[in-house]
Amino acid sequence: MLKLLKSKRGEGYIDVCVLVLCSVLVIALAVKVFPVFIAKNQLDTFATELCREAEISGKVGSETSLRATVLKESTGLNPNISWSKTGNIQLNEEVTVTITLQQNIGLFGNFGSFPITLKAQATGKSEVYHK
């Protein structure tokens, strides 16, 4: 009986099971976390493109709203958009757009899930002179 307890014949099997379990958990974590990084990158691009539209048109209004609608459709994101100024922006005046988006991050549905706020900000200067 003592000889049977000292035997290490099945030791590798347990190690492989633990290794497989750990690697599956790491893959599950990556599948839930990577989309948040992708959304942050899309949000930064969203803010940059909106700010560029305001620079070119020289105002925050219908042009920027139309561009925001197009960007929402293409990215699938629906963020909150706030501007530092509205209306006409005179030549060389700065305008800042701040975009926020709530994302849930966590594993296995509602277990361990918590919301985080992603924020993107872009600043630009108007390229239009208004008389």
N, C-alpha and C. Protein backbone atom coordinates (compact mmCIF):
# COMPACT_ATOMS: atom_id res chain seq x y z
N MET A 1 0.82 -1.18 0.00
CA MET A 1 0.00 0.00 0.00
C MET A 1 0.87 1.25 0.00
N LEU A 2 1.94 1.23 0.77
CA LEU A 2 2.85 2.36 0.85
C LEU A 2 3.52 2.62 -0.50
N LYS A 3 3.80 1.54 -1.20
CA LYS A 3 4.43 1.66 -2.52
C LYS A 3 3.46 2.34 -3.50
N LEU A 4 2.17 2.07 -3.39
CA LEU A 4 1.17 2.65 -4.25
C LEU A 4 1.01 4.15 -4.00
N LEU A 5 1.11 4.59 -2.74
CA LEU A 5 1.00 6.01 -2.40
C LEU A 5 2.20 6.81 -2.87
N LYS A 6 3.36 6.19 -2.94
CA LYS A 6 4.58 6.89 -3.36
C LYS A 6 4.72 6.94 -4.88
N SER A 7 3.89 6.24 -5.60
CA SER A 7 3.96 6.20 -7.05
C SER A 7 3.54 7.57 -7.62
N LYS A 8 4.23 8.03 -8.65
CA LYS A 8 3.96 9.33 -9.27
C LYS A 8 3.54 9.15 -10.73
N ARG A 9 2.88 8.08 -11.05
CA ARG A 9 2.53 7.78 -12.43
C ARG A 9 1.48 8.73 -13.00
N GLY A 10 0.53 9.24 -12.26
CA GLY A 10 -0.54 10.10 -12.78
C GLY A 10 -0.30 11.59 -12.54
N GLU A 11 0.88 11.95 -12.12
CA GLU A 11 1.19 13.34 -11.78
C GLU A 11 1.11 14.27 -12.99
N GLY A 12 1.57 13.84 -14.13
CA GLY A 12 1.56 14.67 -15.34
C GLY A 12 0.15 14.96 -15.82
N TYR A 13 -0.77 14.05 -15.60
CA TYR A 13 -2.16 14.23 -16.02
C TYR A 13 -2.79 15.43 -15.29
N ILE A 14 -2.57 15.54 -14.01
CA ILE A 14 -3.10 16.65 -13.22
C ILE A 14 -2.49 17.97 -13.69
N ASP A 15 -1.20 17.99 -13.96
CA ASP A 15 -0.53 19.21 -14.44
C ASP A 15 -1.11 19.69 -15.77
N VAL A 16 -1.38 18.75 -16.67
CA VAL A 16 -1.93 19.10 -17.97
C VAL A 16 -3.35 19.66 -17.80
N CYS A 17 -4.15 19.08 -16.93
CA CYS A 17 -5.52 19.57 -16.69
C CYS A 17 -5.51 20.99 -16.14
N VAL A 18 -4.62 21.27 -15.20
CA VAL A 18 -4.52 22.61 -14.63
C VAL A 18 -4.05 23.60 -15.69
N LEU A 19 -3.09 23.21 -16.50
CA LEU A 19 -2.59 24.08 -17.57
C LEU A 19 -3.68 24.40 -18.59
N VAL A 20 -4.46 23.42 -18.98
CA VAL A 20 -5.55 23.64 -19.93
C VAL A 20 -6.61 24.55 -19.32
N LEU A 21 -6.95 24.34 -18.07
CA LEU A 21 -7.93 25.20 -17.40
C LEU A 21 -7.46 26.65 -17.33
N CYS A 22 -6.20 26.86 -16.98
CA CYS A 22 -5.65 28.22 -16.91
C CYS A 22 -5.63 28.88 -18.28
N SER A 23 -5.26 28.15 -19.32
CA SER A 23 -5.20 28.76 -20.64
C SER A 23 -6.60 29.08 -21.17
N VAL A 24 -7.60 28.28 -20.85
CA VAL A 24 -8.97 28.59 -21.25
C VAL A 24 -9.46 29.85 -20.54
N LEU A 25 -9.12 30.02 -19.28
CA LEU A 25 -9.51 31.23 -18.55
C LEU A 25 -8.83 32.47 -19.12
N VAL A 26 -7.58 32.36 -19.51
CA VAL A 26 -6.87 33.50 -20.11
C VAL A 26 -7.49 33.86 -21.45
N ILE A 27 -7.85 32.88 -22.24
CA ILE A 27 -8.49 33.15 -23.53
C ILE A 27 -9.86 33.79 -23.33
N ALA A 28 -10.61 33.33 -22.34
CA ALA A 28 -11.93 33.92 -22.06
C ALA A 28 -11.79 35.38 -21.61
N LEU A 29 -10.78 35.66 -20.81
CA LEU A 29 -10.53 37.04 -20.39
C LEU A 29 -10.18 37.92 -21.59
N ALA A 30 -9.34 37.41 -22.47
CA ALA A 30 -8.94 38.19 -23.65
C ALA A 30 -10.14 38.48 -24.55
N VAL A 31 -11.03 37.50 -24.71
CA VAL A 31 -12.20 37.69 -25.57
C VAL A 31 -13.11 38.78 -25.01
N LYS A 32 -13.18 38.93 -23.71
CA LYS A 32 -14.03 39.95 -23.10
C LYS A 32 -13.35 41.32 -22.98
N VAL A 33 -12.03 41.36 -22.91
CA VAL A 33 -11.32 42.62 -22.68
C VAL A 33 -10.88 43.28 -23.99
N PHE A 34 -10.48 42.53 -24.99
CA PHE A 34 -10.00 43.12 -26.24
C PHE A 34 -11.03 44.00 -26.93
N PRO A 35 -12.32 43.68 -26.94
CA PRO A 35 -13.28 44.60 -27.57
C PRO A 35 -13.32 45.99 -26.93
N VAL A 36 -12.98 46.10 -25.66
CA VAL A 36 -12.94 47.41 -25.01
C VAL A 36 -11.79 48.23 -25.58
N PHE A 37 -10.65 47.61 -25.82
CA PHE A 37 -9.52 48.32 -26.43
C PHE A 37 -9.85 48.75 -27.86
N ILE A 38 -10.55 47.91 -28.59
CA ILE A 38 -10.95 48.25 -29.95
C ILE A 38 -11.94 49.42 -29.93
N ALA A 39 -12.88 49.40 -28.98
CA ALA A 39 -13.85 50.50 -28.86
C ALA A 39 -13.15 51.81 -28.51
N LYS A 40 -12.12 51.76 -27.67
CA LYS A 40 -11.37 52.97 -27.30
C LYS A 40 -10.65 53.53 -28.53
N ASN A 41 -10.08 52.66 -29.33
CA ASN A 41 -9.40 53.11 -30.55
C ASN A 41 -10.40 53.73 -31.52
N GLN A 42 -11.57 53.12 -31.68
CA GLN A 42 -12.60 53.68 -32.56
C GLN A 42 -13.11 55.01 -32.02
N LEU A 43 -13.20 55.14 -30.71
CA LEU A 43 -13.65 56.39 -30.09
C LEU A 43 -12.66 57.52 -30.34
N ASP A 44 -11.37 57.21 -30.26
CA ASP A 44 -10.34 58.22 -30.55
C ASP A 44 -10.44 58.69 -32.00
N THR A 45 -10.62 57.75 -32.91
CA THR A 45 -10.76 58.10 -34.33
C THR A 45 -12.03 58.91 -34.56
N PHE A 46 -13.10 58.54 -33.88
CA PHE A 46 -14.38 59.25 -33.96
C PHE A 46 -14.18 60.71 -33.57
N ALA A 47 -13.51 60.95 -32.45
CA ALA A 47 -13.28 62.32 -31.97
C ALA A 47 -12.40 63.10 -32.93
N THR A 48 -11.38 62.49 -33.45
CA THR A 48 -10.47 63.17 -34.38
C THR A 48 -11.20 63.57 -35.66
N GLU A 49 -12.01 62.68 -36.19
CA GLU A 49 -12.72 62.99 -37.43
C GLU A 49 -13.79 64.06 -37.22
N LEU A 50 -14.47 64.01 -36.08
CA LEU A 50 -15.46 65.06 -35.78
C LEU A 50 -14.80 66.42 -35.64
N CYS A 51 -13.68 66.46 -34.96
CA CYS A 51 -12.95 67.72 -34.77
C CYS A 51 -12.46 68.25 -36.11
N ARG A 52 -12.00 67.37 -36.96
CA ARG A 52 -11.53 67.79 -38.28
C ARG A 52 -12.69 68.38 -39.10
N GLU A 53 -13.87 67.81 -38.97
CA GLU A 53 -15.04 68.35 -39.67
C GLU A 53 -15.35 69.76 -39.18
N ALA A 54 -15.24 69.99 -37.88
CA ALA A 54 -15.48 71.32 -37.32
C ALA A 54 -14.41 72.31 -37.80
N GLU A 55 -13.17 71.86 -37.92
CA GLU A 55 -12.09 72.73 -38.42
C GLU A 55 -12.36 73.15 -39.86
N ILE A 56 -12.74 72.20 -40.68
CA ILE A 56 -12.95 72.49 -42.10
C ILE A 56 -14.18 73.37 -42.33
N SER A 57 -15.28 73.07 -41.65
CA SER A 57 -16.51 73.83 -41.86
C SER A 57 -16.52 75.15 -41.09
N GLY A 58 -15.73 75.27 -40.05
CA GLY A 58 -15.66 76.52 -39.29
C GLY A 58 -16.83 76.72 -38.34
N LYS A 59 -17.59 75.66 -38.09
CA LYS A 59 -18.69 75.78 -37.15
C LYS A 59 -19.08 74.41 -36.61
N VAL A 60 -19.73 74.45 -35.47
CA VAL A 60 -20.30 73.24 -34.87
C VAL A 60 -21.80 73.36 -35.05
N GLY A 61 -22.33 72.49 -35.84
CA GLY A 61 -23.76 72.56 -36.14
C GLY A 61 -24.19 71.39 -37.00
N SER A 62 -24.87 71.71 -38.10
CA SER A 62 -25.46 70.66 -38.93
C SER A 62 -24.40 69.77 -39.59
N GLU A 63 -23.27 70.36 -40.00
CA GLU A 63 -22.22 69.57 -40.65
C GLU A 63 -21.64 68.54 -39.69
N THR A 64 -21.36 68.98 -38.47
CA THR A 64 -20.78 68.06 -37.49
C THR A 64 -21.81 67.02 -37.03
N SER A 65 -23.07 67.40 -36.97
CA SER A 65 -24.12 66.44 -36.60
C SER A 65 -24.27 65.37 -37.68
N LEU A 66 -24.21 65.78 -38.93
CA LEU A 66 -24.30 64.84 -40.03
C LEU A 66 -23.11 63.87 -40.02
N ARG A 67 -21.92 64.43 -39.79
CA ARG A 67 -20.71 63.59 -39.73
C ARG A 67 -20.79 62.62 -38.55
N ALA A 68 -21.33 63.08 -37.42
CA ALA A 68 -21.48 62.20 -36.26
C ALA A 68 -22.43 61.05 -36.57
N THR A 69 -23.50 61.33 -37.29
CA THR A 69 -24.44 60.28 -37.67
C THR A 69 -23.78 59.25 -38.57
N VAL A 70 -22.99 59.72 -39.54
CA VAL A 70 -22.29 58.80 -40.44
C VAL A 70 -21.29 57.95 -39.65
N LEU A 71 -20.56 58.56 -38.73
CA LEU A 71 -19.59 57.82 -37.92
C LEU A 71 -20.26 56.82 -36.99
N LYS A 72 -21.42 57.18 -36.45
CA LYS A 72 -22.15 56.25 -35.58
C LYS A 72 -22.58 55.02 -36.37
N GLU A 73 -23.03 55.22 -37.60
CA GLU A 73 -23.45 54.10 -38.43
C GLU A 73 -22.27 53.21 -38.81
N SER A 74 -21.14 53.82 -39.14
CA SER A 74 -20.01 53.03 -39.60
C SER A 74 -19.29 52.29 -38.46
N THR A 75 -19.25 52.86 -37.28
CA THR A 75 -18.55 52.21 -36.17
C THR A 75 -19.46 51.35 -35.31
N GLY A 76 -20.75 51.65 -35.31
CA GLY A 76 -21.66 50.92 -34.45
C GLY A 76 -21.68 51.43 -33.02
N LEU A 77 -20.96 52.50 -32.76
CA LEU A 77 -20.92 53.10 -31.42
C LEU A 77 -21.99 54.19 -31.33
N ASN A 78 -22.49 54.42 -30.12
CA ASN A 78 -23.46 55.49 -29.90
C ASN A 78 -22.99 56.31 -28.69
N PRO A 79 -21.95 57.12 -28.85
CA PRO A 79 -21.39 57.85 -27.71
C PRO A 79 -22.12 59.16 -27.44
N ASN A 80 -21.83 59.72 -26.28
CA ASN A 80 -22.29 61.08 -25.94
C ASN A 80 -21.25 62.06 -26.43
N ILE A 81 -21.70 63.09 -27.14
CA ILE A 81 -20.78 64.06 -27.74
C ILE A 81 -21.04 65.42 -27.11
N SER A 82 -19.96 66.08 -26.68
CA SER A 82 -20.09 67.45 -26.16
C SER A 82 -18.99 68.32 -26.76
N TRP A 83 -19.35 69.55 -27.10
CA TRP A 83 -18.44 70.49 -27.73
C TRP A 83 -18.13 71.62 -26.75
N SER A 84 -16.94 72.19 -26.88
CA SER A 84 -16.58 73.34 -26.04
C SER A 84 -17.27 74.61 -26.53
N LYS A 85 -17.57 74.69 -27.82
CA LYS A 85 -18.26 75.84 -28.42
C LYS A 85 -19.26 75.32 -29.43
N THR A 86 -20.29 76.11 -29.66
CA THR A 86 -21.24 75.77 -30.72
C THR A 86 -21.40 76.98 -31.63
N GLY A 87 -21.95 76.74 -32.80
CA GLY A 87 -22.12 77.83 -33.76
C GLY A 87 -20.85 78.07 -34.55
N ASN A 88 -20.71 79.29 -35.07
CA ASN A 88 -19.54 79.65 -35.86
C ASN A 88 -18.28 79.73 -34.99
N ILE A 89 -17.19 79.26 -35.56
CA ILE A 89 -15.89 79.32 -34.89
C ILE A 89 -14.98 80.13 -35.80
N GLN A 90 -14.50 81.23 -35.28
CA GLN A 90 -13.69 82.14 -36.08
C GLN A 90 -12.32 81.52 -36.36
N LEU A 91 -11.67 82.05 -37.39
CA LEU A 91 -10.36 81.57 -37.80
C LEU A 91 -9.40 81.52 -36.62
N ASN A 92 -8.72 80.40 -36.45
CA ASN A 92 -7.70 80.15 -35.42
C ASN A 92 -8.26 80.02 -33.99
N GLU A 93 -9.56 79.99 -33.83
CA GLU A 93 -10.13 79.72 -32.51
C GLU A 93 -10.15 78.22 -32.28
N GLU A 94 -9.87 77.83 -31.05
CA GLU A 94 -9.85 76.41 -30.72
C GLU A 94 -11.24 75.89 -30.41
N VAL A 95 -11.46 74.66 -30.80
CA VAL A 95 -12.70 73.95 -30.46
C VAL A 95 -12.29 72.56 -29.97
N THR A 96 -12.98 72.08 -28.94
CA THR A 96 -12.68 70.78 -28.37
C THR A 96 -13.94 69.93 -28.35
N VAL A 97 -13.80 68.70 -28.78
CA VAL A 97 -14.89 67.75 -28.71
C VAL A 97 -14.52 66.66 -27.70
N THR A 98 -15.46 66.33 -26.83
CA THR A 98 -15.27 65.28 -25.84
C THR A 98 -16.35 64.23 -26.06
N ILE A 99 -15.91 62.99 -26.19
CA ILE A 99 -16.82 61.90 -26.47
C ILE A 99 -16.68 60.86 -25.35
N THR A 100 -17.81 60.44 -24.79
CA THR A 100 -17.79 59.42 -23.75
C THR A 100 -18.69 58.26 -24.15
N LEU A 101 -18.32 57.08 -23.68
CA LEU A 101 -19.06 55.87 -24.00
C LEU A 101 -18.96 54.91 -22.83
N GLN A 102 -20.10 54.34 -22.43
CA GLN A 102 -20.12 53.33 -21.37
C GLN A 102 -19.93 51.95 -22.00
N GLN A 103 -19.01 51.16 -21.47
CA GLN A 103 -18.78 49.79 -21.91
C GLN A 103 -18.77 48.88 -20.69
N ASN A 104 -19.33 47.70 -20.82
CA ASN A 104 -19.25 46.70 -19.75
C ASN A 104 -18.05 45.81 -19.99
N ILE A 105 -17.34 45.53 -18.93
CA ILE A 105 -16.19 44.65 -19.00
C ILE A 105 -16.35 43.62 -17.89
N GLY A 106 -16.11 42.40 -18.19
CA GLY A 106 -16.23 41.35 -17.20
C GLY A 106 -16.37 40.00 -17.86
N LEU A 107 -16.38 38.98 -17.04
CA LEU A 107 -16.46 37.62 -17.53
C LEU A 107 -17.79 36.99 -17.21
N PHE A 108 -18.20 36.06 -18.05
CA PHE A 108 -19.33 35.17 -17.79
C PHE A 108 -20.62 35.91 -17.50
N GLY A 109 -21.02 36.79 -18.40
CA GLY A 109 -22.29 37.50 -18.27
C GLY A 109 -22.25 38.57 -17.20
N ASN A 110 -23.16 38.50 -16.24
CA ASN A 110 -23.24 39.51 -15.20
C ASN A 110 -22.28 39.24 -14.05
N PHE A 111 -21.73 38.07 -13.99
CA PHE A 111 -20.80 37.75 -12.91
C PHE A 111 -19.47 38.48 -13.13
N GLY A 112 -19.10 39.31 -12.20
CA GLY A 112 -17.84 40.04 -12.30
C GLY A 112 -17.86 41.14 -13.35
N SER A 113 -19.03 41.51 -13.83
CA SER A 113 -19.13 42.54 -14.85
C SER A 113 -19.28 43.91 -14.20
N PHE A 114 -18.57 44.88 -14.74
CA PHE A 114 -18.69 46.24 -14.24
C PHE A 114 -18.53 47.22 -15.40
N PRO A 115 -19.25 48.34 -15.35
CA PRO A 115 -19.17 49.32 -16.44
C PRO A 115 -17.95 50.23 -16.28
N ILE A 116 -17.36 50.57 -17.41
CA ILE A 116 -16.29 51.57 -17.42
C ILE A 116 -16.67 52.65 -18.42
N THR A 117 -16.16 53.83 -18.21
CA THR A 117 -16.42 54.95 -19.11
C THR A 117 -15.19 55.21 -19.95
N LEU A 118 -15.35 55.09 -21.25
CA LEU A 118 -14.28 55.42 -22.18
C LEU A 118 -14.44 56.87 -22.60
N LYS A 119 -13.33 57.60 -22.65
CA LYS A 119 -13.39 59.03 -22.98
C LYS A 119 -12.34 59.35 -24.04
N ALA A 120 -12.77 60.08 -25.05
CA ALA A 120 -11.86 60.53 -26.10
C ALA A 120 -12.05 62.03 -26.28
N GLN A 121 -10.94 62.71 -26.52
CA GLN A 121 -10.98 64.16 -26.65
C GLN A 121 -10.08 64.58 -27.80
N ALA A 122 -10.55 65.53 -28.59
CA ALA A 122 -9.75 66.06 -29.70
C ALA A 122 -9.93 67.57 -29.74
N THR A 123 -8.84 68.26 -30.04
CA THR A 123 -8.84 69.72 -30.11
C THR A 123 -8.31 70.15 -31.48
N GLY A 124 -8.93 71.18 -32.06
CA GLY A 124 -8.48 71.70 -33.33
C GLY A 124 -8.77 73.18 -33.44
N LYS A 125 -8.24 73.79 -34.48
CA LYS A 125 -8.44 75.22 -34.73
C LYS A 125 -9.20 75.40 -36.04
N SER A 126 -10.11 76.36 -36.02
CA SER A 126 -10.93 76.63 -37.20
C SER A 126 -10.05 77.13 -38.35
N GLU A 127 -10.45 76.73 -39.55
CA GLU A 127 -9.72 77.15 -40.76
C GLU A 127 -10.58 78.09 -41.62
N VAL A 128 -11.65 78.65 -41.03
CA VAL A 128 -12.60 79.48 -41.78
C VAL A 128 -12.68 80.85 -41.13
N TYR A 129 -12.67 81.87 -41.97
CA TYR A 129 -12.85 83.24 -41.50
C TYR A 129 -14.29 83.65 -41.75
N HIS A 130 -15.00 84.04 -40.69
CA HIS A 130 -16.39 84.48 -40.82
C HIS A 130 -16.43 86.00 -40.74
N LYS A 131 -17.10 86.63 -41.70
CA LYS A 131 -17.19 88.08 -41.73
C LYS A 131 -18.28 88.55 -40.80
